[in-house]
C-alpha atoms as a PDB file:
ATOM      1  CA  UNK A   1      -4.102 -23.743  -3.282  1.00  0.00           C
ATOM      2  CA  UNK A   2      -2.148 -20.488  -2.852  1.00  0.00           C
ATOM      3  CA  UNK A   3      -3.651 -17.695  -0.848  1.00  0.00           C
ATOM      4  CA  UNK A   4      -3.020 -14.280   0.508  1.00  0.00           C
ATOM      5  CA  UNK A   5      -4.217 -11.541   2.642  1.00  0.00           C
ATOM      6  CA  UNK A   6      -3.999  -8.010   1.523  1.00  0.00           C
ATOM      7  CA  UNK A   7      -5.590  -4.641   2.999  1.00  0.00           C
ATOM      8  CA  UNK A   8      -7.432  -2.439   0.335  1.00  0.00           C
ATOM      9  CA  UNK A   9      -6.024   0.980   0.438  1.00  0.00           C
ATOM     10  CA  UNK A  10      -7.535   2.374  -2.576  1.00  0.00           C
ATOM     11  CA  UNK A  11      -9.586   5.601  -1.504  1.00  0.00           C
ATOM     12  CA  UNK A  12     -13.171   3.839  -2.986  1.00  0.00           C
ATOM     13  CA  UNK A  13     -11.770   0.615  -2.476  1.00  0.00           C
ATOM     14  CA  UNK A  14     -12.768  -1.946  -4.950  1.00  0.00           C
ATOM     15  CA  UNK A  15     -15.482  -0.608  -6.830  1.00  0.00           C
ATOM     16  CA  UNK A  16     -16.310   0.198 -10.603  1.00  0.00           C
ATOM     17  CA  UNK A  17     -12.908   1.121 -11.872  1.00  0.00           C
ATOM     18  CA  UNK A  18     -10.716  -0.645  -9.415  1.00  0.00           C
ATOM     19  CA  UNK A  19     -12.861  -3.712  -9.684  1.00  0.00           C
ATOM     20  CA  UNK A  20     -12.699  -3.748 -13.356  1.00  0.00           C
ATOM     21  CA  UNK A  21      -8.667  -3.415 -13.782  1.00  0.00           C
ATOM     22  CA  UNK A  22      -8.498  -6.538 -10.700  1.00  0.00           C
ATOM     23  CA  UNK A  23     -10.684  -8.648 -13.053  1.00  0.00           C
ATOM     24  CA  UNK A  24      -9.039  -8.119 -16.003  1.00  0.00           C
ATOM     25  CA  UNK A  25      -5.706  -8.712 -14.348  1.00  0.00           C
ATOM     26  CA  UNK A  26      -7.237 -11.927 -12.998  1.00  0.00           C
ATOM     27  CA  UNK A  27      -8.659 -12.947 -16.372  1.00  0.00           C
ATOM     28  CA  UNK A  28      -5.101 -13.202 -17.381  1.00  0.00           C
ATOM     29  CA  UNK A  29      -4.189 -16.231 -15.522  1.00  0.00           C
ATOM     30  CA  UNK A  30      -5.276 -20.048 -16.047  1.00  0.00           C
ATOM     31  CA  UNK A  31      -5.605 -20.429 -12.220  1.00  0.00           C
ATOM     32  CA  UNK A  32      -9.000 -20.258 -10.671  1.00  0.00           C
ATOM     33  CA  UNK A  33      -9.255 -17.180  -8.640  1.00  0.00           C
ATOM     34  CA  UNK A  34     -11.421 -16.119  -5.509  1.00  0.00           C
ATOM     35  CA  UNK A  35     -11.414 -13.114  -3.292  1.00  0.00           C
ATOM     36  CA  UNK A  36     -13.095 -13.807   0.003  1.00  0.00           C
ATOM     37  CA  UNK A  37     -14.440 -11.281   2.821  1.00  0.00           C
ATOM     38  CA  UNK A  38     -15.623 -12.491   5.762  1.00  0.00           C
ATOM     39  CA  UNK A  39     -16.434 -15.846   4.896  1.00  0.00           C
ATOM     40  CA  UNK A  40     -17.668 -15.082   1.492  1.00  0.00           C
ATOM     41  CA  UNK A  41     -16.114 -16.240  -1.707  1.00  0.00           C
ATOM     42  CA  UNK A  42     -16.523 -14.963  -4.844  1.00  0.00           C
ATOM     43  CA  UNK A  43     -15.366 -15.909  -8.159  1.00  0.00           C
ATOM     44  CA  UNK A  44     -12.477 -13.374  -8.753  1.00  0.00           C
ATOM     45  CA  UNK A  45     -13.128 -13.336 -12.618  1.00  0.00           C
ATOM     46  CA  UNK A  46     -16.734 -11.921 -11.962  1.00  0.00           C
ATOM     47  CA  UNK A  47     -17.566  -8.233 -11.973  1.00  0.00           C
ATOM     48  CA  UNK A  48     -20.889  -8.637 -10.093  1.00  0.00           C
ATOM     49  CA  UNK A  49     -19.058 -11.397  -7.668  1.00  0.00           C
ATOM     50  CA  UNK A  50     -16.491  -8.829  -6.725  1.00  0.00           C
ATOM     51  CA  UNK A  51     -18.745  -6.006  -6.412  1.00  0.00           C
ATOM     52  CA  UNK A  52     -21.418  -7.763  -4.466  1.00  0.00           C
ATOM     53  CA  UNK A  53     -18.524  -8.321  -1.674  1.00  0.00           C
ATOM     54  CA  UNK A  54     -19.058  -4.164  -1.096  1.00  0.00           C
ATOM     55  CA  UNK A  55     -14.980  -3.938  -0.540  1.00  0.00           C
ATOM     56  CA  UNK A  56     -14.122  -0.739   0.817  1.00  0.00           C
ATOM     57  CA  UNK A  57     -11.005   1.061   1.705  1.00  0.00           C
ATOM     58  CA  UNK A  58      -9.051  -0.503   4.881  1.00  0.00           C
ATOM     59  CA  UNK A  59     -10.745  -3.913   4.723  1.00  0.00           C
ATOM     60  CA  UNK A  60      -8.747  -7.274   4.373  1.00  0.00           C
ATOM     61  CA  UNK A  61      -9.596  -9.543   1.694  1.00  0.00           C
ATOM     62  CA  UNK A  62      -7.848 -12.913   0.884  1.00  0.00           C
ATOM     63  CA  UNK A  63      -6.988 -13.807  -2.688  1.00  0.00           C
ATOM     64  CA  UNK A  64      -6.958 -17.515  -3.041  1.00  0.00           C
ATOM     65  CA  UNK A  65      -6.016 -19.337  -6.332  1.00  0.00           C
ATOM     66  CA  UNK A  66      -5.527 -22.888  -7.388  1.00  0.00           C
ATOM     67  CA  UNK A  67      -4.150 -24.150 -10.786  1.00  0.00           C
ATOM     68  CA  UNK A  68      -0.636 -24.088 -12.758  1.00  0.00           C
ATOM     69  CA  UNK A  69       0.031 -20.298 -11.866  1.00  0.00           C
ATOM     70  CA  UNK A  70      -1.512 -19.933  -8.758  1.00  0.00           C
ATOM     71  CA  UNK A  71       1.438 -18.477  -6.609  1.00  0.00           C
ATOM     72  CA  UNK A  72       2.234 -15.782  -9.598  1.00  0.00           C
ATOM     73  CA  UNK A  73      -1.754 -14.879  -9.867  1.00  0.00           C
ATOM     74  CA  UNK A  74      -2.236 -14.288  -6.060  1.00  0.00           C
ATOM     75  CA  UNK A  75       1.110 -12.258  -5.518  1.00  0.00           C
ATOM     76  CA  UNK A  76       0.342 -10.114  -8.670  1.00  0.00           C
ATOM     77  CA  UNK A  77      -3.214  -9.426  -7.883  1.00  0.00           C
ATOM     78  CA  UNK A  78      -2.287  -8.471  -4.226  1.00  0.00           C
ATOM     79  CA  UNK A  79       0.321  -6.245  -5.516  1.00  0.00           C
ATOM     80  CA  UNK A  80      -2.016  -4.439  -7.611  1.00  0.00           C
ATOM     81  CA  UNK A  81      -4.130  -4.026  -4.659  1.00  0.00           C
ATOM     82  CA  UNK A  82      -1.340  -2.923  -2.302  1.00  0.00           C
ATOM     83  CA  UNK A  83      -0.099  -0.214  -4.839  1.00  0.00           C
ATOM     84  CA  UNK A  84      -3.340   1.309  -5.349  1.00  0.00           C
ATOM     85  CA  UNK A  85      -3.918  -0.085  -9.198  1.00  0.00           C
ATOM     86  CA  UNK A  86      -0.615   2.130 -10.293  1.00  0.00           C
END
């Protein structure tokens, strides 16, 4: 299991379009991936799950992965968030 905390800098947080980009990227990996906020963990490959966390700008979230490509998955998803989905 590999995890990393990242602060969301995107103006609208992880809603609608940014969440869709995040989920599409998460689905590229074989590992099981979760997003955790305030001790609540959801499947990072589920749009409803990610949206249900209500992630807004400035919040810290933890990206957790378990599987063959866990480190790559977490690192690339964290970078996607820290670069404002550029």
